[in-house]
């Protein structure tokens, strides 16, 4: 099977160049580039010829829906909340995300945030920069991960990668997911399935790894913070709106939560007036958990592999929604 394939320019020379280099080594892949910054009219004129599009950068839904010949849409990110998957499926467009590529990067960043918050890294780094070597006075604030109970909310690819890396750290691992993991996975990763409420009550660290949808928006809000230990830490590397930021601020300010590590916020980019940026017990990074060099190559390789499967008449991996090729 042959098909016209396009890659939407990611506005990142490394990602673009590596994609073109990988595609060049595949004799049966003829990849065109849709340049960034096209008008709606230019986009519509260009996209009509393509049956397969790889989205290197976020593209408005109305433009995607105007692609009449489109059959397969490969997202380059794990998240898909920016797209109306139902509307695409209704037009017989199969959509796949790219969760595998980002999983290791996000899992590592998640553990980085756990350590940074528990060991008050940001506060101590600033102290050292200012020539203040007074870490001993913070002994009552710095705590270890060892012996902690970690609750993983969302046990897909990223949640499991987090568990894999924490296995052997002498801690208890709980997870909550609407779909139970296979018993073999639970045994291998030494995790125990829990209800969300039980997890929130028991965990010293709550780490979020769910997609953003109508069911998970403000999944963690005032009622959930009331369930958590005052000594607990919240980690969010999935999507900002999964957490009710107003409720989080209140819990932190009132001492009902010990700290938070956040790679995502409800409003991004965050304004300098966001109080979370100035709290000593909060570490914020600018949505970079998945931004590693290795992820770029895994991401491109996965996308091209999925495209080849579609060209061969095989079902692609990581399909979102109920439509199948």
C-alpha atoms as a PDB file:
ATOM      1  CA  UNK A   1       0.000   0.000   0.000  1.00  0.00           C
ATOM      2  CA  UNK A   2       1.231   3.503  -0.788  1.00  0.00           C
ATOM      3  CA  UNK A   3      -0.088   6.735   0.656  1.00  0.00           C
ATOM      4  CA  UNK A   4       0.782  10.396   0.793  1.00  0.00           C
ATOM      5  CA  UNK A   5       2.419  11.120   4.149  1.00  0.00           C
ATOM      6  CA  UNK A   6       3.050  14.503   5.762  1.00  0.00           C
ATOM      7  CA  UNK A   7       4.975  15.588   8.835  1.00  0.00           C
ATOM      8  CA  UNK A   8       3.822  18.857  10.401  1.00  0.00           C
ATOM      9  CA  UNK A   9       6.968  20.881  11.146  1.00  0.00           C
ATOM     10  CA  UNK A  10       7.661  20.731  14.912  1.00  0.00           C
ATOM     11  CA  UNK A  11       9.513  24.091  14.795  1.00  0.00           C
ATOM     12  CA  UNK A  12      12.474  22.277  16.313  1.00  0.00           C
ATOM     13  CA  UNK A  13      15.482  21.675  14.018  1.00  0.00           C
ATOM     14  CA  UNK A  14      16.632  18.612  15.967  1.00  0.00           C
ATOM     15  CA  UNK A  15      13.245  16.903  15.782  1.00  0.00           C
ATOM     16  CA  UNK A  16      12.776  17.816  12.139  1.00  0.00           C
ATOM     17  CA  UNK A  17      16.256  16.800  11.026  1.00  0.00           C
ATOM     18  CA  UNK A  18      16.176  13.486  12.890  1.00  0.00           C
ATOM     19  CA  UNK A  19      12.740  12.669  11.450  1.00  0.00           C
ATOM     20  CA  UNK A  20      13.922  13.386   7.901  1.00  0.00           C
ATOM     21  CA  UNK A  21      17.072  11.326   8.442  1.00  0.00           C
ATOM     22  CA  UNK A  22      15.094   8.363   9.777  1.00  0.00           C
ATOM     23  CA  UNK A  23      12.521   8.584   6.990  1.00  0.00           C
ATOM     24  CA  UNK A  24      15.296   8.710   4.383  1.00  0.00           C
ATOM     25  CA  UNK A  25      16.500   5.277   5.484  1.00  0.00           C
ATOM     26  CA  UNK A  26      13.036   3.806   4.823  1.00  0.00           C
ATOM     27  CA  UNK A  27      12.736   3.234   1.084  1.00  0.00           C
ATOM     28  CA  UNK A  28       8.946   2.882   1.166  1.00  0.00           C
ATOM     29  CA  UNK A  29       8.293   6.132   3.054  1.00  0.00           C
ATOM     30  CA  UNK A  30       7.874   9.333   1.048  1.00  0.00           C
ATOM     31  CA  UNK A  31       7.556  12.060   3.645  1.00  0.00           C
ATOM     32  CA  UNK A  32       6.526  15.633   2.859  1.00  0.00           C
ATOM     33  CA  UNK A  33       6.866  18.537   5.285  1.00  0.00           C
ATOM     34  CA  UNK A  34       3.966  20.849   6.073  1.00  0.00           C
ATOM     35  CA  UNK A  35       5.667  24.068   7.092  1.00  0.00           C
ATOM     36  CA  UNK A  36       4.777  25.852  10.307  1.00  0.00           C
ATOM     37  CA  UNK A  37       2.845  29.091  10.071  1.00  0.00           C
ATOM     38  CA  UNK A  38       0.624  28.321   7.076  1.00  0.00           C
ATOM     39  CA  UNK A  39      -2.692  30.139   6.829  1.00  0.00           C
ATOM     40  CA  UNK A  40      -5.893  28.095   7.115  1.00  0.00           C
ATOM     41  CA  UNK A  41      -6.374  28.360   3.364  1.00  0.00           C
ATOM     42  CA  UNK A  42      -2.814  27.238   2.616  1.00  0.00           C
ATOM     43  CA  UNK A  43      -3.138  24.361   5.075  1.00  0.00           C
ATOM     44  CA  UNK A  44      -6.428  23.191   3.563  1.00  0.00           C
ATOM     45  CA  UNK A  45      -4.925  23.288   0.080  1.00  0.00           C
ATOM     46  CA  UNK A  46      -1.871  21.303   1.172  1.00  0.00           C
ATOM     47  CA  UNK A  47      -3.472  18.713   3.431  1.00  0.00           C
ATOM     48  CA  UNK A  48      -6.113  17.463   0.985  1.00  0.00           C
ATOM     49  CA  UNK A  49      -3.600  15.153  -0.664  1.00  0.00           C
ATOM     50  CA  UNK A  50      -2.519  13.345   2.506  1.00  0.00           C
ATOM     51  CA  UNK A  51      -3.914  10.097   3.924  1.00  0.00           C
ATOM     52  CA  UNK A  52      -1.411  10.006   6.790  1.00  0.00           C
ATOM     53  CA  UNK A  53      -0.276  12.980   8.874  1.00  0.00           C
ATOM     54  CA  UNK A  54       2.293  12.961  11.671  1.00  0.00           C
ATOM     55  CA  UNK A  55       1.687  15.955  13.944  1.00  0.00           C
ATOM     56  CA  UNK A  56       5.015  17.450  14.938  1.00  0.00           C
ATOM     57  CA  UNK A  57       3.317  20.492  16.460  1.00  0.00           C
ATOM     58  CA  UNK A  58      -0.132  21.342  17.776  1.00  0.00           C
ATOM     59  CA  UNK A  59      -2.618  21.945  14.977  1.00  0.00           C
ATOM     60  CA  UNK A  60      -6.138  23.399  15.272  1.00  0.00           C
ATOM     61  CA  UNK A  61      -8.935  20.842  15.060  1.00  0.00           C
ATOM     62  CA  UNK A  62     -10.748  22.679  12.270  1.00  0.00           C
ATOM     63  CA  UNK A  63      -7.679  22.296  10.059  1.00  0.00           C
ATOM     64  CA  UNK A  64      -7.420  18.580  10.742  1.00  0.00           C
ATOM     65  CA  UNK A  65     -11.118  18.086  10.042  1.00  0.00           C
ATOM     66  CA  UNK A  66     -10.646  19.809   6.680  1.00  0.00           C
ATOM     67  CA  UNK A  67      -8.292  17.043   5.527  1.00  0.00           C
ATOM     68  CA  UNK A  68     -10.808  15.022   3.508  1.00  0.00           C
ATOM     69  CA  UNK A  69      -8.480  12.137   2.586  1.00  0.00           C
ATOM     70  CA  UNK A  70      -6.968  11.714   6.039  1.00  0.00           C
ATOM     71  CA  UNK A  71      -7.124   8.140   7.358  1.00  0.00           C
ATOM     72  CA  UNK A  72      -4.432   8.001  10.030  1.00  0.00           C
ATOM     73  CA  UNK A  73      -3.219  10.736  12.408  1.00  0.00           C
ATOM     74  CA  UNK A  74      -0.097  10.079  14.475  1.00  0.00           C
ATOM     75  CA  UNK A  75       0.369  12.405  17.441  1.00  0.00           C
ATOM     76  CA  UNK A  76       3.909  12.985  18.642  1.00  0.00           C
ATOM     77  CA  UNK A  77       2.936  13.520  22.271  1.00  0.00           C
ATOM     78  CA  UNK A  78       1.334  11.301  24.904  1.00  0.00           C
ATOM     79  CA  UNK A  79      -1.387  13.836  25.702  1.00  0.00           C
ATOM     80  CA  UNK A  80      -4.353  14.172  23.366  1.00  0.00           C
ATOM     81  CA  UNK A  81      -6.707  16.486  25.285  1.00  0.00           C
ATOM     82  CA  UNK A  82      -6.164  19.235  22.684  1.00  0.00           C
ATOM     83  CA  UNK A  83      -7.961  17.173  20.029  1.00  0.00           C
ATOM     84  CA  UNK A  84     -11.552  16.026  19.582  1.00  0.00           C
ATOM     85  CA  UNK A  85     -10.855  12.342  19.055  1.00  0.00           C
ATOM     86  CA  UNK A  86     -14.560  11.572  18.674  1.00  0.00           C
ATOM     87  CA  UNK A  87     -14.904  14.050  15.812  1.00  0.00           C
ATOM     88  CA  UNK A  88     -11.877  12.576  14.064  1.00  0.00           C
ATOM     89  CA  UNK A  89     -13.137   9.018  14.584  1.00  0.00           C
ATOM     90  CA  UNK A  90     -16.506  10.096  13.146  1.00  0.00           C
ATOM     91  CA  UNK A  91     -14.653  10.964   9.944  1.00  0.00           C
ATOM     92  CA  UNK A  92     -13.049   7.483   9.999  1.00  0.00           C
ATOM     93  CA  UNK A  93      -9.683   8.885  11.074  1.00  0.00           C
ATOM     94  CA  UNK A  94      -7.649   6.569  13.277  1.00  0.00           C
ATOM     95  CA  UNK A  95      -5.627   8.474  15.885  1.00  0.00           C
ATOM     96  CA  UNK A  96      -2.615   7.192  17.816  1.00  0.00           C
ATOM     97  CA  UNK A  97      -0.626   8.951  20.502  1.00  0.00           C
ATOM     98  CA  UNK A  98       3.050   8.526  21.370  1.00  0.00           C
ATOM     99  CA  UNK A  99       3.032   7.512  25.031  1.00  0.00           C
ATOM    100  CA  UNK A 100       5.879   4.990  24.921  1.00  0.00           C
ATOM    101  CA  UNK A 101       8.441   7.511  23.707  1.00  0.00           C
ATOM    102  CA  UNK A 102       7.914   9.915  26.561  1.00  0.00           C
ATOM    103  CA  UNK A 103       7.442   7.414  29.400  1.00  0.00           C
ATOM    104  CA  UNK A 104      11.060   7.037  30.520  1.00  0.00           C
ATOM    105  CA  UNK A 105      11.737  10.780  30.407  1.00  0.00           C
ATOM    106  CA  UNK A 106       8.649  11.640  32.458  1.00  0.00           C
ATOM    107  CA  UNK A 107       9.287   8.836  34.941  1.00  0.00           C
ATOM    108  CA  UNK A 108      12.814  10.102  35.606  1.00  0.00           C
ATOM    109  CA  UNK A 109      11.567  13.671  35.991  1.00  0.00           C
ATOM    110  CA  UNK A 110       8.862  12.475  38.372  1.00  0.00           C
ATOM    111  CA  UNK A 111      11.449  10.947  40.683  1.00  0.00           C
ATOM    112  CA  UNK A 112      13.590  14.071  40.339  1.00  0.00           C
ATOM    113  CA  UNK A 113      10.657  16.140  41.633  1.00  0.00           C
ATOM    114  CA  UNK A 114      10.034  13.696  44.483  1.00  0.00           C
ATOM    115  CA  UNK A 115      13.637  14.041  45.646  1.00  0.00           C
ATOM    116  CA  UNK A 116      13.728  17.795  45.054  1.00  0.00           C
ATOM    117  CA  UNK A 117      10.659  18.419  47.202  1.00  0.00           C
ATOM    118  CA  UNK A 118      11.505  15.936  49.955  1.00  0.00           C
ATOM    119  CA  UNK A 119      15.087  17.227  50.211  1.00  0.00           C
ATOM    120  CA  UNK A 120      14.081  20.897  49.767  1.00  0.00           C
ATOM    121  CA  UNK A 121      16.431  21.164  46.818  1.00  0.00           C
ATOM    122  CA  UNK A 122      15.203  24.504  45.474  1.00  0.00           C
ATOM    123  CA  UNK A 123      15.378  26.222  48.827  1.00  0.00           C
ATOM    124  CA  UNK A 124      18.843  24.857  49.595  1.00  0.00           C
ATOM    125  CA  UNK A 125      20.185  25.666  46.128  1.00  0.00           C
ATOM    126  CA  UNK A 126      19.085  29.285  46.519  1.00  0.00           C
ATOM    127  CA  UNK A 127      20.617  29.342  50.000  1.00  0.00           C
ATOM    128  CA  UNK A 128      23.973  28.170  48.640  1.00  0.00           C
ATOM    129  CA  UNK A 129      23.825  30.725  45.805  1.00  0.00           C
ATOM    130  CA  UNK A 130      23.380  33.442  48.395  1.00  0.00           C
ATOM    131  CA  UNK A 131      26.344  32.198  50.424  1.00  0.00           C
ATOM    132  CA  UNK A 132      24.235  30.827  53.262  1.00  0.00           C
ATOM    133  CA  UNK A 133      25.347  27.404  54.440  1.00  0.00           C
ATOM    134  CA  UNK A 134      22.625  26.848  56.990  1.00  0.00           C
ATOM    135  CA  UNK A 135      21.245  23.477  55.928  1.00  0.00           C
ATOM    136  CA  UNK A 136      21.437  22.078  59.452  1.00  0.00           C
ATOM    137  CA  UNK A 137      18.591  24.323  60.593  1.00  0.00           C
ATOM    138  CA  UNK A 138      16.309  22.581  58.075  1.00  0.00           C
ATOM    139  CA  UNK A 139      16.664  19.073  59.467  1.00  0.00           C
ATOM    140  CA  UNK A 140      13.005  19.011  60.482  1.00  0.00           C
ATOM    141  CA  UNK A 141      11.937  19.859  56.903  1.00  0.00           C
ATOM    142  CA  UNK A 142      14.088  17.428  54.900  1.00  0.00           C
ATOM    143  CA  UNK A 143      12.761  13.879  54.685  1.00  0.00           C
ATOM    144  CA  UNK A 144      13.769  10.706  52.848  1.00  0.00           C
ATOM    145  CA  UNK A 145      11.998   8.621  50.245  1.00  0.00           C
ATOM    146  CA  UNK A 146      13.143   5.437  51.969  1.00  0.00           C
ATOM    147  CA  UNK A 147      10.286   3.711  53.842  1.00  0.00           C
ATOM    148  CA  UNK A 148       7.769   6.073  52.238  1.00  0.00           C
ATOM    149  CA  UNK A 149       4.478   4.946  50.702  1.00  0.00           C
ATOM    150  CA  UNK A 150       4.158   6.192  47.141  1.00  0.00           C
ATOM    151  CA  UNK A 151       0.728   6.327  45.530  1.00  0.00           C
ATOM    152  CA  UNK A 152       0.717   6.289  41.720  1.00  0.00           C
ATOM    153  CA  UNK A 153      -2.526   7.639  40.280  1.00  0.00           C
ATOM    154  CA  UNK A 154      -2.819   6.335  36.724  1.00  0.00           C
ATOM    155  CA  UNK A 155      -0.963   3.117  35.968  1.00  0.00           C
ATOM    156  CA  UNK A 156      -0.386   3.283  32.250  1.00  0.00           C
ATOM    157  CA  UNK A 157       3.016   3.370  30.589  1.00  0.00           C
ATOM    158  CA  UNK A 158       4.377   6.306  32.584  1.00  0.00           C
ATOM    159  CA  UNK A 159       2.972   5.152  35.916  1.00  0.00           C
ATOM    160  CA  UNK A 160       4.533   1.738  35.413  1.00  0.00           C
ATOM    161  CA  UNK A 161       7.896   3.254  34.470  1.00  0.00           C
ATOM    162  CA  UNK A 162       7.804   5.225  37.733  1.00  0.00           C
ATOM    163  CA  UNK A 163       7.066   2.037  39.678  1.00  0.00           C
ATOM    164  CA  UNK A 164       9.852   0.198  37.857  1.00  0.00           C
ATOM    165  CA  UNK A 165      12.368   2.823  38.922  1.00  0.00           C
ATOM    166  CA  UNK A 166      11.173   2.966  42.525  1.00  0.00           C
ATOM    167  CA  UNK A 167      11.170  -0.803  42.896  1.00  0.00           C
ATOM    168  CA  UNK A 168      13.933  -1.747  45.303  1.00  0.00           C
ATOM    169  CA  UNK A 169      13.943   1.651  47.031  1.00  0.00           C
ATOM    170  CA  UNK A 170      12.605   0.068  50.225  1.00  0.00           C
ATOM    171  CA  UNK A 171       9.183   1.653  49.979  1.00  0.00           C
ATOM    172  CA  UNK A 172       5.554   0.632  49.593  1.00  0.00           C
ATOM    173  CA  UNK A 173       4.005   1.214  46.161  1.00  0.00           C
ATOM    174  CA  UNK A 174       0.258   1.660  45.706  1.00  0.00           C
ATOM    175  CA  UNK A 175      -1.515   2.415  42.464  1.00  0.00           C
ATOM    176  CA  UNK A 176      -4.973   3.499  41.436  1.00  0.00           C
ATOM    177  CA  UNK A 177      -6.353   2.991  37.959  1.00  0.00           C
ATOM    178  CA  UNK A 178      -9.844   2.291  36.685  1.00  0.00           C
ATOM    179  CA  UNK A 179      -8.359  -0.662  34.788  1.00  0.00           C
ATOM    180  CA  UNK A 180      -6.454  -3.148  36.962  1.00  0.00           C
ATOM    181  CA  UNK A 181      -2.953  -4.056  35.846  1.00  0.00           C
ATOM    182  CA  UNK A 182      -2.389  -7.747  35.061  1.00  0.00           C
ATOM    183  CA  UNK A 183      -1.480  -9.759  38.140  1.00  0.00           C
ATOM    184  CA  UNK A 184       1.932 -10.533  36.637  1.00  0.00           C
ATOM    185  CA  UNK A 185       2.685  -6.806  36.268  1.00  0.00           C
ATOM    186  CA  UNK A 186       1.659  -6.185  39.871  1.00  0.00           C
ATOM    187  CA  UNK A 187       3.992  -8.960  41.038  1.00  0.00           C
ATOM    188  CA  UNK A 188       6.909  -7.844  38.881  1.00  0.00           C
ATOM    189  CA  UNK A 189       6.649  -4.201  39.938  1.00  0.00           C
ATOM    190  CA  UNK A 190       5.753  -5.059  43.542  1.00  0.00           C
ATOM    191  CA  UNK A 191       2.712  -2.775  43.535  1.00  0.00           C
ATOM    192  CA  UNK A 192      -0.685  -3.062  45.161  1.00  0.00           C
ATOM    193  CA  UNK A 193      -3.918  -1.784  43.630  1.00  0.00           C
ATOM    194  CA  UNK A 194      -5.921   0.584  45.793  1.00  0.00           C
ATOM    195  CA  UNK A 195      -8.970   2.784  45.648  1.00  0.00           C
ATOM    196  CA  UNK A 196      -8.198   6.440  45.070  1.00  0.00           C
ATOM    197  CA  UNK A 197      -9.411   7.418  48.540  1.00  0.00           C
ATOM    198  CA  UNK A 198      -7.361   4.720  50.254  1.00  0.00           C
ATOM    199  CA  UNK A 199      -4.288   5.752  48.280  1.00  0.00           C
ATOM    200  CA  UNK A 200      -4.714   9.418  49.212  1.00  0.00           C
ATOM    201  CA  UNK A 201      -5.056   8.561  52.903  1.00  0.00           C
ATOM    202  CA  UNK A 202      -2.026   6.261  53.022  1.00  0.00           C
ATOM    203  CA  UNK A 203       0.498   7.791  50.622  1.00  0.00           C
ATOM    204  CA  UNK A 204       3.414   9.957  51.694  1.00  0.00           C
ATOM    205  CA  UNK A 205       3.860  10.898  48.034  1.00  0.00           C
ATOM    206  CA  UNK A 206       0.998  11.069  45.531  1.00  0.00           C
ATOM    207  CA  UNK A 207       2.170  11.050  41.905  1.00  0.00           C
ATOM    208  CA  UNK A 208      -0.286  11.832  39.084  1.00  0.00           C
ATOM    209  CA  UNK A 209      -0.121  10.118  35.681  1.00  0.00           C
ATOM    210  CA  UNK A 210      -3.591  10.322  34.134  1.00  0.00           C
ATOM    211  CA  UNK A 211      -4.775  11.855  30.857  1.00  0.00           C
ATOM    212  CA  UNK A 212      -6.854  15.020  31.037  1.00  0.00           C
ATOM    213  CA  UNK A 213     -10.524  14.439  30.271  1.00  0.00           C
ATOM    214  CA  UNK A 214     -13.934  15.193  31.772  1.00  0.00           C
ATOM    215  CA  UNK A 215     -13.409  12.541  34.449  1.00  0.00           C
ATOM    216  CA  UNK A 216      -9.932  13.655  35.537  1.00  0.00           C
ATOM    217  CA  UNK A 217     -10.303  17.445  35.434  1.00  0.00           C
ATOM    218  CA  UNK A 218      -9.826  18.579  39.061  1.00  0.00           C
ATOM    219  CA  UNK A 219      -9.493  14.935  40.077  1.00  0.00           C
ATOM    220  CA  UNK A 220      -7.468  16.263  43.012  1.00  0.00           C
ATOM    221  CA  UNK A 221      -9.391  19.076  44.676  1.00  0.00           C
ATOM    222  CA  UNK A 222     -10.379  20.231  48.166  1.00  0.00           C
ATOM    223  CA  UNK A 223     -12.005  16.944  49.218  1.00  0.00           C
ATOM    224  CA  UNK A 224      -8.960  14.971  48.107  1.00  0.00           C
ATOM    225  CA  UNK A 225      -6.526  17.284  49.900  1.00  0.00           C
ATOM    226  CA  UNK A 226      -8.584  16.812  53.049  1.00  0.00           C
ATOM    227  CA  UNK A 227      -7.904  13.062  52.796  1.00  0.00           C
ATOM    228  CA  UNK A 228      -4.132  13.415  52.432  1.00  0.00           C
ATOM    229  CA  UNK A 229      -1.644  13.445  55.285  1.00  0.00           C
ATOM    230  CA  UNK A 230      -0.307  16.887  56.304  1.00  0.00           C
ATOM    231  CA  UNK A 231       3.150  15.395  55.752  1.00  0.00           C
ATOM    232  CA  UNK A 232       2.338  14.235  52.210  1.00  0.00           C
ATOM    233  CA  UNK A 233       3.771  15.568  48.943  1.00  0.00           C
ATOM    234  CA  UNK A 234       1.934  15.915  45.620  1.00  0.00           C
ATOM    235  CA  UNK A 235       3.735  15.372  42.303  1.00  0.00           C
ATOM    236  CA  UNK A 236       2.099  16.304  38.988  1.00  0.00           C
ATOM    237  CA  UNK A 237       3.798  15.593  35.669  1.00  0.00           C
ATOM    238  CA  UNK A 238       0.655  14.857  33.617  1.00  0.00           C
ATOM    239  CA  UNK A 239      -1.687  17.836  33.034  1.00  0.00           C
ATOM    240  CA  UNK A 240      -2.178  20.960  35.146  1.00  0.00           C
ATOM    241  CA  UNK A 241      -5.996  20.939  35.292  1.00  0.00           C
ATOM    242  CA  UNK A 242      -5.967  17.463  36.874  1.00  0.00           C
ATOM    243  CA  UNK A 243      -5.296  19.440  40.071  1.00  0.00           C
ATOM    244  CA  UNK A 244      -7.518  22.218  41.378  1.00  0.00           C
ATOM    245  CA  UNK A 245      -4.765  24.815  41.766  1.00  0.00           C
ATOM    246  CA  UNK A 246      -6.790  27.037  44.094  1.00  0.00           C
ATOM    247  CA  UNK A 247      -7.373  24.102  46.443  1.00  0.00           C
ATOM    248  CA  UNK A 248      -3.682  23.143  46.207  1.00  0.00           C
ATOM    249  CA  UNK A 249      -2.577  26.646  47.173  1.00  0.00           C
ATOM    250  CA  UNK A 250      -4.920  26.642  50.118  1.00  0.00           C
ATOM    251  CA  UNK A 251      -3.742  23.248  51.353  1.00  0.00           C
ATOM    252  CA  UNK A 252      -0.087  24.302  51.086  1.00  0.00           C
ATOM    253  CA  UNK A 253      -0.665  27.683  52.709  1.00  0.00           C
ATOM    254  CA  UNK A 254      -2.567  26.169  55.634  1.00  0.00           C
ATOM    255  CA  UNK A 255       0.017  23.448  56.266  1.00  0.00           C
ATOM    256  CA  UNK A 256      -2.351  20.644  55.233  1.00  0.00           C
ATOM    257  CA  UNK A 257       0.158  19.482  52.623  1.00  0.00           C
ATOM    258  CA  UNK A 258       3.930  19.358  53.064  1.00  0.00           C
ATOM    259  CA  UNK A 259       4.922  20.222  49.516  1.00  0.00           C
ATOM    260  CA  UNK A 260       4.425  19.810  45.782  1.00  0.00           C
ATOM    261  CA  UNK A 261       6.517  19.118  42.704  1.00  0.00           C
ATOM    262  CA  UNK A 262       4.847  20.403  39.545  1.00  0.00           C
ATOM    263  CA  UNK A 263       5.893  20.205  35.926  1.00  0.00           C
ATOM    264  CA  UNK A 264       2.465  21.376  34.788  1.00  0.00           C
ATOM    265  CA  UNK A 265       0.065  24.102  35.896  1.00  0.00           C
ATOM    266  CA  UNK A 266      -3.531  25.005  35.131  1.00  0.00           C
ATOM    267  CA  UNK A 267      -2.389  28.043  33.153  1.00  0.00           C
ATOM    268  CA  UNK A 268       0.750  27.782  31.052  1.00  0.00           C
ATOM    269  CA  UNK A 269       3.039  29.520  30.696  1.00  0.00           C
ATOM    270  CA  UNK A 270       2.732  30.552  34.314  1.00  0.00           C
ATOM    271  CA  UNK A 271       2.705  34.245  35.106  1.00  0.00           C
ATOM    272  CA  UNK A 272       5.312  35.503  37.544  1.00  0.00           C
ATOM    273  CA  UNK A 273       2.449  36.376  39.868  1.00  0.00           C
ATOM    274  CA  UNK A 274       1.540  32.722  40.365  1.00  0.00           C
ATOM    275  CA  UNK A 275       2.129  32.210  44.104  1.00  0.00           C
ATOM    276  CA  UNK A 276       3.266  28.615  43.589  1.00  0.00           C
ATOM    277  CA  UNK A 277       6.483  29.928  42.058  1.00  0.00           C
ATOM    278  CA  UNK A 278       7.467  31.612  45.314  1.00  0.00           C
ATOM    279  CA  UNK A 279       6.626  28.918  47.846  1.00  0.00           C
ATOM    280  CA  UNK A 280       9.595  27.330  49.609  1.00  0.00           C
ATOM    281  CA  UNK A 281       7.977  23.898  49.702  1.00  0.00           C
ATOM    282  CA  UNK A 282       7.088  23.828  45.995  1.00  0.00           C
ATOM    283  CA  UNK A 283       9.316  22.985  43.032  1.00  0.00           C
ATOM    284  CA  UNK A 284       8.002  24.040  39.605  1.00  0.00           C
ATOM    285  CA  UNK A 285       9.539  23.134  36.269  1.00  0.00           C
ATOM    286  CA  UNK A 286       8.247  24.555  32.940  1.00  0.00           C
ATOM    287  CA  UNK A 287       6.536  21.484  31.408  1.00  0.00           C
ATOM    288  CA  UNK A 288       9.840  19.848  30.491  1.00  0.00           C
ATOM    289  CA  UNK A 289       9.413  16.363  31.977  1.00  0.00           C
ATOM    290  CA  UNK A 290       9.431  14.767  28.534  1.00  0.00           C
ATOM    291  CA  UNK A 291      12.100  16.996  27.021  1.00  0.00           C
ATOM    292  CA  UNK A 292      15.093  14.699  26.697  1.00  0.00           C
ATOM    293  CA  UNK A 293      17.322  14.048  23.716  1.00  0.00           C
ATOM    294  CA  UNK A 294      16.634  10.324  23.803  1.00  0.00           C
ATOM    295  CA  UNK A 295      12.897  10.937  23.737  1.00  0.00           C
ATOM    296  CA  UNK A 296      13.195  12.757  20.384  1.00  0.00           C
ATOM    297  CA  UNK A 297      14.651   9.681  18.683  1.00  0.00           C
ATOM    298  CA  UNK A 298      12.215   7.271  20.357  1.00  0.00           C
ATOM    299  CA  UNK A 299       9.314   9.528  19.409  1.00  0.00           C
ATOM    300  CA  UNK A 300      10.288   9.724  15.739  1.00  0.00           C
ATOM    301  CA  UNK A 301      11.062   6.007  15.535  1.00  0.00           C
ATOM    302  CA  UNK A 302       7.686   5.082  17.039  1.00  0.00           C
ATOM    303  CA  UNK A 303       5.801   7.390  14.678  1.00  0.00           C
ATOM    304  CA  UNK A 304       7.503   5.977  11.587  1.00  0.00           C
ATOM    305  CA  UNK A 305       7.011   2.416  12.800  1.00  0.00           C
ATOM    306  CA  UNK A 306       3.298   3.059  13.255  1.00  0.00           C
ATOM    307  CA  UNK A 307       3.038   4.611   9.792  1.00  0.00           C
ATOM    308  CA  UNK A 308       4.702   1.536   8.283  1.00  0.00           C
ATOM    309  CA  UNK A 309       2.196  -0.718  10.046  1.00  0.00           C
ATOM    310  CA  UNK A 310      -0.692   1.253   8.572  1.00  0.00           C
ATOM    311  CA  UNK A 311       0.864   1.080   5.101  1.00  0.00           C
ATOM    312  CA  UNK A 312       1.141  -2.685   5.509  1.00  0.00           C
ATOM    313  CA  UNK A 313      -2.509  -2.973   6.508  1.00  0.00           C
ATOM    314  CA  UNK A 314      -1.673  -3.761  10.138  1.00  0.00           C
ATOM    315  CA  UNK A 315      -3.281  -2.087  13.180  1.00  0.00           C
ATOM    316  CA  UNK A 316      -1.091   0.691  14.618  1.00  0.00           C
ATOM    317  CA  UNK A 317      -0.036   0.764  18.262  1.00  0.00           C
ATOM    318  CA  UNK A 318      -1.348   3.162  20.908  1.00  0.00           C
ATOM    319  CA  UNK A 319      -4.664   3.891  19.163  1.00  0.00           C
ATOM    320  CA  UNK A 320      -6.980   6.349  20.925  1.00  0.00           C
ATOM    321  CA  UNK A 321     -10.702   5.750  20.638  1.00  0.00           C
ATOM    322  CA  UNK A 322     -12.710   2.878  19.219  1.00  0.00           C
ATOM    323  CA  UNK A 323     -11.884   3.202  15.521  1.00  0.00           C
ATOM    324  CA  UNK A 324      -9.475   0.644  14.061  1.00  0.00           C
ATOM    325  CA  UNK A 325      -7.641   0.453  10.764  1.00  0.00           C
END
